[in-house]
Amino acid sequence: MANIDLSSYNLSELKSLQREIEKAMKDRQGEEMQKARERILAIAKDAGVSVEELLVTTSKKVKKAGSQKSPPQYQNPEDTSQTWTGRGRQPRWLAEGLANGKKLDDFRMG
């Protein structure tokens, strides 16, 4: 890449040059995007798959092996609809119970 001496340019000329560079970059990016699109279409066609099919299968979320929701381990004895998995921040009802002298096992389910 050639080094360009910009020291002789005034501010107006530098701003004009910047606009020209930004336009050239945008144009080049568009050209490269079109080339990439054409390559993708050709690969999909060779594989006998539509681009829509490729997008559908790659956009689905793939669950990790251990990313399933944890079942609740603890329950509020005064309101059994309130549960806690044992992960994350303790719920208020549990923290208050522990502060009042109860043990964590007092809240364990089953």
N, C-alpha and C. Protein backbone atom coordinates (compact mmCIF):
# COMPACT_ATOMS: atom_id res chain seq x y z
N MET A 1 0.85 -1.18 0.00
CA MET A 1 0.00 0.00 0.00
C MET A 1 0.89 1.23 0.00
N ALA A 2 0.55 2.19 -0.83
CA ALA A 2 1.34 3.40 -0.97
C ALA A 2 1.07 4.35 0.19
N ASN A 3 2.13 4.96 0.70
CA ASN A 3 1.97 5.98 1.72
C ASN A 3 1.66 7.30 1.05
N ILE A 4 0.60 7.94 1.49
CA ILE A 4 0.19 9.21 0.91
C ILE A 4 0.50 10.30 1.92
N ASP A 5 1.20 11.33 1.47
CA ASP A 5 1.54 12.45 2.33
C ASP A 5 0.33 13.38 2.39
N LEU A 6 -0.34 13.39 3.53
CA LEU A 6 -1.54 14.20 3.69
C LEU A 6 -1.25 15.57 4.30
N SER A 7 -0.03 15.85 4.60
CA SER A 7 0.31 17.10 5.29
C SER A 7 0.03 18.34 4.44
N SER A 8 0.02 18.22 3.15
CA SER A 8 -0.21 19.40 2.29
C SER A 8 -1.69 19.67 2.07
N TYR A 9 -2.59 18.78 2.51
CA TYR A 9 -4.03 18.95 2.32
C TYR A 9 -4.59 19.85 3.42
N ASN A 10 -5.51 20.75 3.03
CA ASN A 10 -6.20 21.54 4.06
C ASN A 10 -7.38 20.73 4.59
N LEU A 11 -8.06 21.23 5.61
CA LEU A 11 -9.14 20.49 6.27
C LEU A 11 -10.27 20.15 5.30
N SER A 12 -10.64 21.09 4.47
CA SER A 12 -11.71 20.85 3.50
C SER A 12 -11.35 19.71 2.54
N GLU A 13 -10.11 19.72 2.07
CA GLU A 13 -9.66 18.67 1.16
C GLU A 13 -9.61 17.31 1.86
N LEU A 14 -9.20 17.29 3.12
CA LEU A 14 -9.16 16.04 3.87
C LEU A 14 -10.57 15.47 4.08
N LYS A 15 -11.52 16.36 4.38
CA LYS A 15 -12.91 15.91 4.55
C LYS A 15 -13.48 15.37 3.24
N SER A 16 -13.15 16.02 2.14
CA SER A 16 -13.61 15.55 0.84
C SER A 16 -13.00 14.18 0.53
N LEU A 17 -11.73 14.04 0.81
CA LEU A 17 -11.05 12.76 0.61
C LEU A 17 -11.68 11.68 1.49
N GLN A 18 -12.03 12.04 2.72
CA GLN A 18 -12.67 11.09 3.62
C GLN A 18 -14.01 10.61 3.04
N ARG A 19 -14.81 11.54 2.51
CA ARG A 19 -16.10 11.16 1.91
C ARG A 19 -15.89 10.23 0.72
N GLU A 20 -14.88 10.52 -0.11
CA GLU A 20 -14.58 9.67 -1.26
C GLU A 20 -14.17 8.27 -0.80
N ILE A 21 -13.36 8.20 0.24
CA ILE A 21 -12.91 6.91 0.76
C ILE A 21 -14.09 6.13 1.32
N GLU A 22 -14.96 6.80 2.07
CA GLU A 22 -16.13 6.12 2.65
C GLU A 22 -17.04 5.59 1.54
N LYS A 23 -17.22 6.38 0.47
CA LYS A 23 -18.05 5.92 -0.65
C LYS A 23 -17.40 4.72 -1.33
N ALA A 24 -16.10 4.79 -1.54
CA ALA A 24 -15.39 3.68 -2.18
C ALA A 24 -15.48 2.42 -1.31
N MET A 25 -15.37 2.57 0.00
CA MET A 25 -15.48 1.43 0.91
C MET A 25 -16.88 0.83 0.85
N LYS A 26 -17.89 1.68 0.82
CA LYS A 26 -19.27 1.19 0.75
C LYS A 26 -19.52 0.45 -0.56
N ASP A 27 -19.02 1.02 -1.65
CA ASP A 27 -19.16 0.38 -2.96
C ASP A 27 -18.45 -0.98 -2.97
N ARG A 28 -17.24 -1.02 -2.45
CA ARG A 28 -16.46 -2.26 -2.43
C ARG A 28 -17.15 -3.31 -1.56
N GLN A 29 -17.69 -2.87 -0.44
CA GLN A 29 -18.39 -3.80 0.45
C GLN A 29 -19.61 -4.40 -0.26
N GLY A 30 -20.33 -3.57 -1.00
CA GLY A 30 -21.48 -4.05 -1.76
C GLY A 30 -21.08 -5.06 -2.82
N GLU A 31 -19.96 -4.79 -3.50
CA GLU A 31 -19.47 -5.73 -4.52
C GLU A 31 -19.10 -7.07 -3.89
N GLU A 32 -18.40 -7.02 -2.76
CA GLU A 32 -17.98 -8.26 -2.09
C GLU A 32 -19.18 -9.02 -1.55
N MET A 33 -20.17 -8.30 -1.08
CA MET A 33 -21.39 -8.94 -0.59
C MET A 33 -22.09 -9.66 -1.74
N GLN A 34 -22.15 -9.03 -2.90
CA GLN A 34 -22.78 -9.66 -4.07
C GLN A 34 -22.01 -10.91 -4.50
N LYS A 35 -20.69 -10.83 -4.49
CA LYS A 35 -19.88 -12.00 -4.86
C LYS A 35 -20.12 -13.14 -3.86
N ALA A 36 -20.17 -12.81 -2.57
CA ALA A 36 -20.42 -13.83 -1.54
C ALA A 36 -21.79 -14.46 -1.72
N ARG A 37 -22.78 -13.62 -2.03
CA ARG A 37 -24.15 -14.11 -2.26
C ARG A 37 -24.18 -15.09 -3.43
N GLU A 38 -23.47 -14.73 -4.50
CA GLU A 38 -23.42 -15.60 -5.68
C GLU A 38 -22.74 -16.92 -5.36
N ARG A 39 -21.66 -16.88 -4.57
CA ARG A 39 -20.96 -18.13 -4.20
C ARG A 39 -21.87 -19.01 -3.34
N ILE A 40 -22.58 -18.40 -2.39
CA ILE A 40 -23.48 -19.16 -1.53
C ILE A 40 -24.59 -19.82 -2.35
N LEU A 41 -25.17 -19.06 -3.28
CA LEU A 41 -26.22 -19.61 -4.14
C LEU A 41 -25.69 -20.77 -4.98
N ALA A 42 -24.47 -20.65 -5.49
CA ALA A 42 -23.89 -21.71 -6.31
C ALA A 42 -23.64 -22.96 -5.46
N ILE A 43 -23.13 -22.79 -4.25
CA ILE A 43 -22.89 -23.94 -3.37
C ILE A 43 -24.21 -24.61 -3.01
N ALA A 44 -25.21 -23.81 -2.68
CA ALA A 44 -26.52 -24.37 -2.34
C ALA A 44 -27.10 -25.13 -3.53
N LYS A 45 -26.98 -24.56 -4.72
CA LYS A 45 -27.51 -25.21 -5.92
C LYS A 45 -26.80 -26.53 -6.17
N ASP A 46 -25.47 -26.55 -6.02
CA ASP A 46 -24.70 -27.78 -6.21
C ASP A 46 -25.10 -28.85 -5.20
N ALA A 47 -25.46 -28.41 -3.99
CA ALA A 47 -25.85 -29.35 -2.94
C ALA A 47 -27.32 -29.75 -3.05
N GLY A 48 -28.06 -29.09 -3.94
CA GLY A 48 -29.48 -29.39 -4.10
C GLY A 48 -30.33 -28.87 -2.96
N VAL A 49 -29.89 -27.79 -2.35
CA VAL A 49 -30.60 -27.21 -1.20
C VAL A 49 -30.91 -25.76 -1.52
N SER A 50 -32.10 -25.32 -1.10
CA SER A 50 -32.43 -23.91 -1.30
C SER A 50 -31.81 -23.08 -0.18
N VAL A 51 -31.58 -21.82 -0.46
CA VAL A 51 -31.02 -20.92 0.54
C VAL A 51 -31.99 -20.79 1.72
N GLU A 52 -33.29 -20.81 1.42
CA GLU A 52 -34.29 -20.72 2.49
C GLU A 52 -34.14 -21.87 3.47
N GLU A 53 -33.90 -23.07 2.92
CA GLU A 53 -33.70 -24.23 3.79
C GLU A 53 -32.46 -24.06 4.65
N LEU A 54 -31.41 -23.51 4.07
CA LEU A 54 -30.19 -23.27 4.84
C LEU A 54 -30.45 -22.30 5.98
N LEU A 55 -31.19 -21.25 5.70
CA LEU A 55 -31.45 -20.24 6.72
C LEU A 55 -32.32 -20.77 7.84
N VAL A 56 -33.30 -21.59 7.50
CA VAL A 56 -34.19 -22.15 8.51
C VAL A 56 -33.43 -23.05 9.46
N THR A 57 -32.59 -23.92 8.93
CA THR A 57 -31.89 -24.87 9.79
C THR A 57 -30.80 -24.21 10.61
N THR A 58 -30.21 -23.13 10.12
CA THR A 58 -29.14 -22.49 10.89
C THR A 58 -29.68 -21.48 11.87
N SER A 59 -30.91 -21.03 11.70
CA SER A 59 -31.43 -20.02 12.61
C SER A 59 -32.11 -20.62 13.83
N LYS A 60 -32.35 -21.93 13.81
CA LYS A 60 -32.96 -22.56 14.99
C LYS A 60 -31.94 -22.62 16.10
N LYS A 61 -32.39 -22.36 17.30
CA LYS A 61 -31.48 -22.43 18.44
C LYS A 61 -31.20 -23.89 18.76
N VAL A 62 -29.96 -24.19 18.95
CA VAL A 62 -29.55 -25.54 19.32
C VAL A 62 -29.25 -25.52 20.81
N LYS A 63 -29.98 -26.34 21.56
CA LYS A 63 -29.77 -26.38 22.99
C LYS A 63 -28.50 -27.14 23.31
N LYS A 64 -27.75 -26.63 24.25
CA LYS A 64 -26.57 -27.32 24.72
C LYS A 64 -27.02 -28.50 25.57
N ALA A 65 -26.15 -29.46 25.73
CA ALA A 65 -26.50 -30.70 26.42
C ALA A 65 -26.99 -30.44 27.84
N GLY A 66 -26.39 -29.52 28.56
CA GLY A 66 -26.78 -29.31 29.95
C GLY A 66 -27.57 -28.04 30.18
N SER A 67 -28.23 -27.52 29.17
CA SER A 67 -28.88 -26.23 29.32
C SER A 67 -30.38 -26.34 29.60
N GLN A 68 -30.82 -27.49 30.06
CA GLN A 68 -32.23 -27.64 30.35
C GLN A 68 -32.56 -26.95 31.67
N LYS A 69 -33.78 -26.53 31.82
CA LYS A 69 -34.22 -25.84 33.01
C LYS A 69 -34.16 -26.80 34.21
N SER A 70 -33.61 -26.29 35.30
CA SER A 70 -33.48 -27.11 36.50
C SER A 70 -34.82 -27.19 37.23
N PRO A 71 -35.13 -28.36 37.78
CA PRO A 71 -36.37 -28.49 38.55
C PRO A 71 -36.23 -27.80 39.90
N PRO A 72 -37.32 -27.33 40.49
CA PRO A 72 -37.23 -26.68 41.80
C PRO A 72 -36.77 -27.67 42.86
N GLN A 73 -35.94 -27.18 43.78
CA GLN A 73 -35.43 -27.99 44.87
C GLN A 73 -36.04 -27.58 46.22
N TYR A 74 -36.47 -26.32 46.28
CA TYR A 74 -36.94 -25.76 47.55
C TYR A 74 -38.32 -25.14 47.35
N GLN A 75 -39.10 -25.11 48.44
CA GLN A 75 -40.48 -24.64 48.35
C GLN A 75 -40.82 -23.86 49.62
N ASN A 76 -41.59 -22.81 49.46
CA ASN A 76 -42.06 -22.03 50.59
C ASN A 76 -43.19 -22.82 51.26
N PRO A 77 -43.01 -23.23 52.53
CA PRO A 77 -44.06 -24.03 53.19
C PRO A 77 -45.37 -23.25 53.38
N GLU A 78 -45.31 -21.94 53.42
CA GLU A 78 -46.51 -21.12 53.61
C GLU A 78 -47.25 -20.88 52.30
N ASP A 79 -46.55 -20.96 51.17
CA ASP A 79 -47.16 -20.79 49.86
C ASP A 79 -46.43 -21.74 48.90
N THR A 80 -46.99 -22.92 48.71
CA THR A 80 -46.31 -23.97 47.94
C THR A 80 -46.13 -23.64 46.46
N SER A 81 -46.76 -22.57 46.01
CA SER A 81 -46.56 -22.17 44.61
C SER A 81 -45.22 -21.46 44.44
N GLN A 82 -44.61 -21.04 45.53
CA GLN A 82 -43.32 -20.36 45.47
C GLN A 82 -42.20 -21.39 45.62
N THR A 83 -41.39 -21.52 44.57
CA THR A 83 -40.31 -22.49 44.58
C THR A 83 -39.01 -21.83 44.16
N TRP A 84 -37.91 -22.56 44.39
CA TRP A 84 -36.58 -22.08 44.01
C TRP A 84 -35.76 -23.27 43.58
N THR A 85 -34.99 -23.12 42.52
CA THR A 85 -34.19 -24.22 41.98
C THR A 85 -32.91 -24.46 42.77
N GLY A 86 -32.51 -23.50 43.57
CA GLY A 86 -31.24 -23.61 44.27
C GLY A 86 -30.13 -22.90 43.52
N ARG A 87 -30.47 -22.29 42.40
CA ARG A 87 -29.51 -21.54 41.60
C ARG A 87 -29.90 -20.07 41.59
N GLY A 88 -28.90 -19.24 41.50
CA GLY A 88 -29.17 -17.80 41.44
C GLY A 88 -29.48 -17.23 42.81
N ARG A 89 -30.02 -16.05 42.79
CA ARG A 89 -30.32 -15.34 44.02
C ARG A 89 -31.45 -16.02 44.79
N GLN A 90 -31.27 -16.09 46.11
CA GLN A 90 -32.32 -16.70 46.95
C GLN A 90 -33.55 -15.80 46.96
N PRO A 91 -34.74 -16.41 46.90
CA PRO A 91 -35.96 -15.60 46.97
C PRO A 91 -36.12 -15.02 48.39
N ARG A 92 -36.87 -13.97 48.47
CA ARG A 92 -37.06 -13.26 49.74
C ARG A 92 -37.60 -14.18 50.83
N TRP A 93 -38.60 -15.00 50.50
CA TRP A 93 -39.20 -15.87 51.51
C TRP A 93 -38.18 -16.84 52.09
N LEU A 94 -37.22 -17.29 51.28
CA LEU A 94 -36.20 -18.20 51.76
C LEU A 94 -35.17 -17.45 52.61
N ALA A 95 -34.74 -16.30 52.15
CA ALA A 95 -33.76 -15.51 52.89
C ALA A 95 -34.32 -15.11 54.26
N GLU A 96 -35.60 -14.74 54.29
CA GLU A 96 -36.22 -14.36 55.57
C GLU A 96 -36.31 -15.57 56.51
N GLY A 97 -36.65 -16.73 55.97
CA GLY A 97 -36.73 -17.93 56.77
C GLY A 97 -35.38 -18.31 57.36
N LEU A 98 -34.32 -18.21 56.55
CA LEU A 98 -32.98 -18.50 57.03
C LEU A 98 -32.54 -17.49 58.09
N ALA A 99 -32.91 -16.23 57.91
CA ALA A 99 -32.57 -15.19 58.88
C ALA A 99 -33.30 -15.42 60.20
N ASN A 100 -34.46 -16.08 60.16
CA ASN A 100 -35.25 -16.35 61.37
C ASN A 100 -34.87 -17.68 62.02
N GLY A 101 -33.75 -18.27 61.60
CA GLY A 101 -33.26 -19.46 62.27
C GLY A 101 -33.59 -20.78 61.62
N LYS A 102 -34.31 -20.79 60.52
CA LYS A 102 -34.61 -22.05 59.85
C LYS A 102 -33.38 -22.51 59.06
N LYS A 103 -33.36 -23.79 58.73
CA LYS A 103 -32.26 -24.35 57.94
C LYS A 103 -32.73 -24.54 56.51
N LEU A 104 -31.78 -24.57 55.60
CA LEU A 104 -32.10 -24.73 54.18
C LEU A 104 -32.88 -26.02 53.95
N ASP A 105 -32.52 -27.08 54.68
CA ASP A 105 -33.23 -28.36 54.53
C ASP A 105 -34.71 -28.28 54.92
N ASP A 106 -35.06 -27.27 55.73
CA ASP A 106 -36.47 -27.09 56.11
C ASP A 106 -37.33 -26.73 54.91
N PHE A 107 -36.70 -26.23 53.86
CA PHE A 107 -37.42 -25.79 52.67
C PHE A 107 -37.32 -26.77 51.51
N ARG A 108 -36.52 -27.82 51.69
CA ARG A 108 -36.29 -28.79 50.61
C ARG A 108 -37.59 -29.51 50.25
N MET A 109 -37.79 -29.69 48.95
CA MET A 109 -39.01 -30.36 48.47
C MET A 109 -38.84 -31.88 48.59
N GLY A 110 -39.96 -32.55 48.82
CA GLY A 110 -40.04 -34.01 48.77
C GLY A 110 -39.11 -34.64 49.71
